Amino acid sequence: MLRPNKLAKQNFLSSLDLSTKEIIHILELAKNFKNKDLNIDFKNKVLGLIFDKSSTRTRVSFQVAMSRLGGTTIDLNPTTSQIGRGEPIQDTARVLSRYCDVLAIRTFNQSVLEEYAKWSSKPVVNALTDLEHPCQALADFMTMKEEFIDFENIVLTFIGDGNNVANSLILCGALLGVEVRIACPAGFEPSSVVIKKARKIYDNDHMLKICNDPASAVIGANVIYTDVWSSMGEENQKEDKDKEFQGFTVDNNLINMATRDVIIMHCLPAYRSKEITNEVIESKKSRIFEQAENRMHVQQALLSCLLS
């Protein structure tokens, strides 16, 4: 029977903290958990959640995943703990390491996450930063694998802001050999550092394309993916970005340019009629809610590897 393998790195701060083999292993574990073919008991293990940003799917999926593993979760809300009063991370991380077995951090700067990892003696998981959302990417590629069996000849087109989700899709796509195309307005491209790292992994430079034209980007695509145009912390830019992103709405016109078997993905929450139409979300091609469910399964698999 398939069992969790201990990961080479203690922390999961970036998609690049996993090898290709480890990603495939986690996706296979997640499939087994989803099909109820695998039952692992981590009784008395504790997951600590530190969320500086609001959350629905990430928070609930982590809590349910840990519960299904037989463990418990402590939600350390910064507004009701000493974290919110300015306690240094080096103190918080060392104390929590003595209480918890793994920490999931959702914050703004990647450097904050890295500081927790520096001082924690227990695994630290990136539950979202402004730079990456690697747990989301695992669920996304699980959803694609369910649809297409493997990743051979898959073309993933992301339309919208070159944000943390786009960055993690690029890195995870590079590790899995998936062609990734990003279509965004000029000036909203993904991180140049991320692009450089991904190009070093890909065998072929043509496997990663960054452009400003959604129509050309979806031709031949098997997956069309979008996200909100304004991420958390960008509320003051919302009106300006709405104007900049005109023409980047995922609608039936774009979908009809892709392959016949194309599926639609969105990491949610969605602003219907902005980055995606209501009609597309509710269409038969949508896998948005399967994708949301898969957050729980991949996090159950990831936690089981980190706790093994």
Protein backbone atom coordinates (compact mmCIF):
# COMPACT_ATOMS: atom_id res chain seq x y z
CA MET A 1 0.00 0.00 0.00
CA LEU A 2 1.18 3.52 -0.80
CA ARG A 3 2.63 5.29 2.25
CA PRO A 4 3.86 8.86 2.75
CA ASN A 5 7.55 9.41 2.09
CA LYS A 6 9.52 11.87 4.15
CA LEU A 7 10.40 14.93 2.07
CA ALA A 8 14.00 15.88 1.36
CA LYS A 9 13.43 19.39 2.73
CA GLN A 10 11.82 20.06 6.08
CA ASN A 11 9.84 23.12 4.92
CA PHE A 12 7.48 23.83 2.02
CA LEU A 13 8.03 27.52 1.36
CA SER A 14 8.09 27.34 -2.43
CA SER A 15 7.06 24.96 -5.19
CA LEU A 16 10.79 24.48 -5.75
CA ASP A 17 11.16 22.92 -2.30
CA LEU A 18 9.75 19.74 -3.87
CA SER A 19 11.35 17.60 -6.54
CA THR A 20 9.34 16.35 -9.51
CA LYS A 21 9.27 12.89 -7.92
CA GLU A 22 7.97 14.33 -4.63
CA ILE A 23 5.20 16.26 -6.38
CA ILE A 24 4.03 13.12 -8.19
CA HIS A 25 4.15 11.20 -4.89
CA ILE A 26 2.02 13.86 -3.13
CA LEU A 27 -0.51 13.87 -5.98
CA GLU A 28 -0.75 10.08 -5.83
CA LEU A 29 -1.20 10.18 -2.05
CA ALA A 30 -3.88 12.86 -2.47
CA LYS A 31 -5.71 10.66 -4.96
CA ASN A 32 -5.66 7.79 -2.47
CA PHE A 33 -6.92 10.00 0.33
CA LYS A 34 -9.69 11.32 -1.92
CA ASN A 35 -10.77 7.80 -2.91
CA LYS A 36 -10.62 6.71 0.77
CA ASP A 37 -8.00 4.09 -0.12
CA LEU A 38 -5.59 5.43 2.48
CA ASN A 39 -6.04 5.99 6.19
CA ILE A 40 -3.20 7.37 8.31
CA ASP A 41 -3.51 8.29 11.96
CA PHE A 42 -1.45 11.19 13.28
CA LYS A 43 -3.18 11.29 16.64
CA ASN A 44 -1.74 13.89 19.03
CA LYS A 45 -0.11 15.81 16.17
CA VAL A 46 -0.91 19.53 16.11
CA LEU A 47 -1.00 21.98 13.20
CA GLY A 48 -0.61 25.66 14.05
CA LEU A 49 -2.18 28.19 11.66
CA ILE A 50 -0.83 31.75 11.58
CA PHE A 51 -2.86 33.75 9.08
CA ASP A 52 -2.10 37.45 8.59
CA LYS A 53 -4.46 37.42 5.59
CA SER A 54 -8.12 36.46 5.46
CA SER A 55 -8.93 33.02 4.13
CA THR A 56 -11.76 30.60 3.43
CA ARG A 57 -10.50 27.62 1.42
CA THR A 58 -6.94 27.57 2.75
CA ARG A 59 -7.97 27.80 6.39
CA VAL A 60 -10.81 25.27 6.19
CA SER A 61 -8.97 22.82 3.93
CA PHE A 62 -5.97 22.75 6.29
CA GLN A 63 -8.19 22.27 9.34
CA VAL A 64 -10.21 19.48 7.75
CA ALA A 65 -7.08 17.83 6.31
CA MET A 66 -5.46 17.74 9.75
CA SER A 67 -8.68 16.45 11.32
CA ARG A 68 -8.86 13.63 8.77
CA LEU A 69 -5.32 12.68 9.73
CA GLY A 70 -6.47 12.34 13.34
CA GLY A 71 -4.67 15.48 14.50
CA THR A 72 -5.83 18.84 15.77
CA THR A 73 -5.42 22.44 14.66
CA ILE A 74 -4.78 25.63 16.62
CA ASP A 75 -5.76 28.84 14.85
CA LEU A 76 -3.41 31.60 16.02
CA ASN A 77 -5.22 34.74 14.97
CA PRO A 78 -2.75 37.66 15.14
CA THR A 79 -5.48 39.97 16.50
CA THR A 80 -6.03 37.75 19.53
CA SER A 81 -2.45 36.62 20.20
CA GLN A 82 0.85 38.28 21.08
CA ILE A 83 1.81 38.06 17.40
CA GLY A 84 -0.45 41.04 16.74
CA ARG A 85 1.22 43.02 19.51
CA GLY A 86 4.63 42.85 17.91
CA GLU A 87 6.24 39.80 19.51
CA PRO A 88 9.37 39.00 17.45
CA ILE A 89 9.05 36.09 15.03
CA GLN A 90 12.20 34.51 16.48
CA ASP A 91 10.42 34.23 19.84
CA THR A 92 7.04 33.14 18.47
CA ALA A 93 8.50 30.48 16.17
CA ARG A 94 10.68 28.91 18.86
CA VAL A 95 7.81 28.72 21.35
CA LEU A 96 5.31 27.34 18.83
CA SER A 97 7.85 24.71 17.80
CA ARG A 98 7.52 23.29 21.32
CA TYR A 99 3.72 23.16 21.11
CA CYS A 100 2.99 22.30 17.47
CA ASP A 101 4.30 19.68 15.05
CA VAL A 102 3.89 21.77 11.88
CA LEU A 103 3.08 25.43 11.14
CA ALA A 104 1.16 26.85 8.16
CA ILE A 105 1.80 30.56 7.61
CA ARG A 106 -0.31 32.88 5.45
CA THR A 107 1.27 36.29 5.21
CA PHE A 108 2.35 39.08 2.89
CA ASN A 109 6.13 39.05 2.46
CA GLN A 110 8.02 35.87 1.63
CA SER A 111 10.75 37.11 3.98
CA VAL A 112 8.35 36.81 6.95
CA LEU A 113 7.69 33.18 6.05
CA GLU A 114 11.41 32.54 5.73
CA GLU A 115 12.00 34.10 9.15
CA TYR A 116 9.52 31.67 10.72
CA ALA A 117 11.29 28.79 8.99
CA LYS A 118 14.68 30.03 10.22
CA TRP A 119 13.64 29.91 13.88
CA SER A 120 11.19 27.00 13.86
CA SER A 121 12.44 23.51 14.62
CA LYS A 122 9.24 22.09 13.07
CA PRO A 123 8.15 22.15 9.40
CA VAL A 124 6.77 25.43 8.05
CA VAL A 125 4.29 25.47 5.15
CA ASN A 126 3.57 28.39 2.83
CA ALA A 127 -0.19 28.87 3.02
CA LEU A 128 0.19 31.92 0.72
CA THR A 129 2.53 34.88 0.43
CA ASP A 130 2.63 37.72 -2.07
CA LEU A 131 5.28 35.77 -3.99
CA GLU A 132 3.89 32.22 -4.07
CA HIS A 133 0.89 30.01 -3.36
CA PRO A 134 2.45 26.54 -3.69
CA CYS A 135 -0.33 24.56 -1.95
CA GLN A 136 -2.79 25.99 -4.46
CA ALA A 137 -0.57 24.86 -7.33
CA LEU A 138 -0.50 21.29 -5.99
CA ALA A 139 -4.31 21.19 -5.99
CA ASP A 140 -4.38 22.71 -9.46
CA PHE A 141 -2.11 20.08 -10.97
CA MET A 142 -4.01 17.33 -9.16
CA THR A 143 -7.16 18.61 -10.86
CA MET A 144 -5.43 18.57 -14.25
CA LYS A 145 -4.13 15.05 -13.65
CA GLU A 146 -7.63 13.84 -12.80
CA GLU A 147 -8.85 15.24 -16.10
CA PHE A 148 -6.02 14.30 -18.45
CA ILE A 149 -4.43 11.27 -16.64
CA ASP A 150 -0.91 12.64 -17.06
CA PHE A 151 0.83 15.92 -17.92
CA GLU A 152 2.17 14.99 -21.34
CA ASN A 153 1.37 17.59 -24.01
CA ILE A 154 -0.78 19.64 -21.61
CA VAL A 155 -0.94 23.38 -22.26
CA LEU A 156 -1.94 25.59 -19.31
CA THR A 157 -2.91 29.17 -20.06
CA PHE A 158 -3.24 31.61 -17.17
CA ILE A 159 -5.02 34.86 -17.97
CA GLY A 160 -4.79 37.81 -15.61
CA ASP A 161 -2.40 39.29 -13.08
CA GLY A 162 1.06 37.75 -12.85
CA ASN A 163 0.56 37.21 -9.13
CA ASN A 164 1.53 34.59 -6.52
CA VAL A 165 -0.72 31.96 -8.12
CA ALA A 166 0.81 32.56 -11.55
CA ASN A 167 4.30 32.30 -10.02
CA SER A 168 3.59 28.94 -8.40
CA LEU A 169 1.90 27.58 -11.54
CA ILE A 170 5.03 28.50 -13.49
CA LEU A 171 7.40 26.79 -11.05
CA CYS A 172 5.28 23.68 -10.52
CA GLY A 173 4.61 23.50 -14.27
CA ALA A 174 8.34 23.61 -14.96
CA LEU A 175 8.98 20.71 -12.57
CA LEU A 176 6.21 18.65 -14.19
CA GLY A 177 7.10 19.55 -17.78
CA VAL A 178 3.82 21.33 -18.50
CA GLU A 179 3.73 24.14 -21.05
CA VAL A 180 2.65 27.30 -19.21
CA ARG A 181 1.46 30.45 -20.93
CA ILE A 182 0.78 33.67 -19.02
CA ALA A 183 -1.33 36.37 -20.68
CA CYS A 184 -1.40 39.64 -18.75
CA PRO A 185 -1.43 43.38 -19.43
CA ALA A 186 1.97 44.99 -19.91
CA GLY A 187 3.52 45.77 -16.56
CA PHE A 188 1.72 42.96 -14.73
CA GLU A 189 4.02 40.08 -15.67
CA PRO A 190 5.01 37.40 -13.13
CA SER A 191 8.17 37.74 -11.04
CA SER A 192 11.28 37.97 -13.22
CA VAL A 193 13.13 35.88 -10.62
CA VAL A 194 10.49 33.15 -10.89
CA ILE A 195 10.63 33.22 -14.69
CA LYS A 196 14.43 32.90 -14.60
CA LYS A 197 14.27 29.94 -12.20
CA ALA A 198 11.64 28.20 -14.32
CA ARG A 199 13.61 28.62 -17.55
CA LYS A 200 16.57 26.88 -15.92
CA ILE A 201 14.34 23.87 -15.19
CA TYR A 202 12.60 23.61 -18.55
CA ASP A 203 14.42 21.72 -21.29
CA ASN A 204 12.84 23.95 -23.90
CA ASP A 205 12.53 27.75 -23.70
CA HIS A 206 9.25 27.58 -25.63
CA MET A 207 7.55 25.76 -22.73
CA LEU A 208 7.10 29.07 -20.90
CA LYS A 209 5.48 31.96 -22.74
CA ILE A 210 4.66 35.40 -21.35
CA CYS A 211 2.48 37.60 -23.55
CA ASN A 212 -0.09 40.41 -23.46
CA ASP A 213 -2.69 38.82 -25.77
CA PRO A 214 -5.26 36.41 -24.25
CA ALA A 215 -6.59 35.34 -27.66
CA SER A 216 -3.26 34.00 -28.92
CA ALA A 217 -2.46 32.47 -25.52
CA VAL A 218 -5.54 30.21 -25.48
CA ILE A 219 -5.06 28.66 -28.91
CA GLY A 220 -4.35 24.98 -28.28
CA ALA A 221 -4.83 25.32 -24.51
CA ASN A 222 -6.15 22.36 -22.50
CA VAL A 223 -6.57 24.45 -19.36
CA ILE A 224 -7.65 28.07 -19.04
CA TYR A 225 -7.01 29.47 -15.57
CA THR A 226 -7.74 32.88 -14.08
CA ASP A 227 -7.68 34.66 -10.74
CA VAL A 228 -8.84 37.97 -9.28
CA TRP A 229 -7.21 41.02 -10.80
CA SER A 230 -6.55 42.66 -7.42
CA SER A 231 -5.06 40.47 -4.71
CA MET A 232 -5.37 40.98 -0.96
CA GLY A 233 -3.53 44.14 0.02
CA GLU A 234 -4.19 45.78 -3.37
CA GLU A 235 -7.63 47.18 -2.55
CA ASN A 236 -6.46 50.74 -3.21
CA GLN A 237 -5.41 49.75 -6.75
CA LYS A 238 -8.69 48.02 -7.62
CA GLU A 239 -10.24 50.72 -9.84
CA ASP A 240 -7.04 51.30 -11.78
CA LYS A 241 -6.44 47.57 -12.28
CA ASP A 242 -10.01 47.02 -13.44
CA LYS A 243 -9.30 49.48 -16.25
CA GLU A 244 -5.89 47.97 -17.08
CA PHE A 245 -7.38 44.46 -17.33
CA GLN A 246 -10.19 45.25 -19.74
CA GLY A 247 -10.14 42.55 -22.42
CA PHE A 248 -8.74 39.90 -20.06
CA THR A 249 -12.08 38.45 -18.95
CA VAL A 250 -12.40 34.69 -19.48
CA ASP A 251 -15.59 34.32 -21.50
CA ASN A 252 -17.04 31.95 -24.07
CA ASN A 253 -15.30 33.80 -26.92
CA LEU A 254 -11.90 32.91 -25.44
CA ILE A 255 -12.93 29.37 -24.55
CA ASN A 256 -14.07 28.68 -28.10
CA MET A 257 -10.53 29.42 -29.33
CA ALA A 258 -9.03 26.67 -27.14
CA THR A 259 -9.13 22.88 -27.56
CA ARG A 260 -12.46 21.06 -27.47
CA ASP A 261 -11.55 19.33 -24.20
CA VAL A 262 -10.46 22.54 -22.44
CA ILE A 263 -11.27 22.87 -18.74
CA ILE A 264 -11.69 26.09 -16.77
CA MET A 265 -10.00 26.76 -13.45
CA HIS A 266 -10.09 29.56 -10.87
CA CYS A 267 -8.58 29.47 -7.37
CA LEU A 268 -11.46 31.53 -5.89
CA PRO A 269 -12.85 33.83 -4.64
CA ALA A 270 -14.16 34.91 -8.03
CA TYR A 271 -15.57 38.27 -9.06
CA ARG A 272 -18.10 37.13 -11.61
CA SER A 273 -18.30 39.33 -14.73
CA LYS A 274 -14.83 40.74 -14.06
CA GLU A 275 -12.01 38.19 -14.55
CA ILE A 276 -14.51 35.47 -15.51
CA THR A 277 -18.14 35.38 -16.57
CA ASN A 278 -20.86 33.71 -14.55
CA GLU A 279 -21.70 31.60 -17.60
CA VAL A 280 -18.17 30.15 -17.74
CA ILE A 281 -18.02 29.40 -14.01
CA GLU A 282 -21.27 27.43 -14.22
CA SER A 283 -20.43 25.70 -17.52
CA LYS A 284 -19.75 21.99 -17.99
CA LYS A 285 -16.12 22.82 -18.70
CA SER A 286 -15.63 24.31 -15.24
CA ARG A 287 -13.57 22.30 -12.75
CA ILE A 288 -13.43 25.17 -10.25
CA PHE A 289 -15.16 23.41 -7.39
CA GLU A 290 -13.31 20.11 -7.91
CA GLN A 291 -10.17 22.23 -7.78
CA ALA A 292 -11.28 23.79 -4.48
CA GLU A 293 -12.01 20.37 -2.99
CA ASN A 294 -8.59 19.13 -4.02
CA ARG A 295 -6.97 21.71 -1.75
CA MET A 296 -7.99 19.50 1.17
CA HIS A 297 -6.68 16.28 -0.37
CA VAL A 298 -3.25 17.60 -1.40
CA GLN A 299 -2.78 19.27 1.97
CA GLN A 300 -3.64 16.03 3.70
CA ALA A 301 -0.98 14.35 1.54
CA LEU A 302 1.56 17.13 2.12
CA LEU A 303 1.02 17.10 5.91
CA SER A 304 1.34 13.33 6.02
CA CYS A 305 4.75 13.58 4.32
CA LEU A 306 5.94 16.40 6.59
CA LEU A 307 4.82 14.56 9.73
CA SER A 308 6.23 11.15 8.71
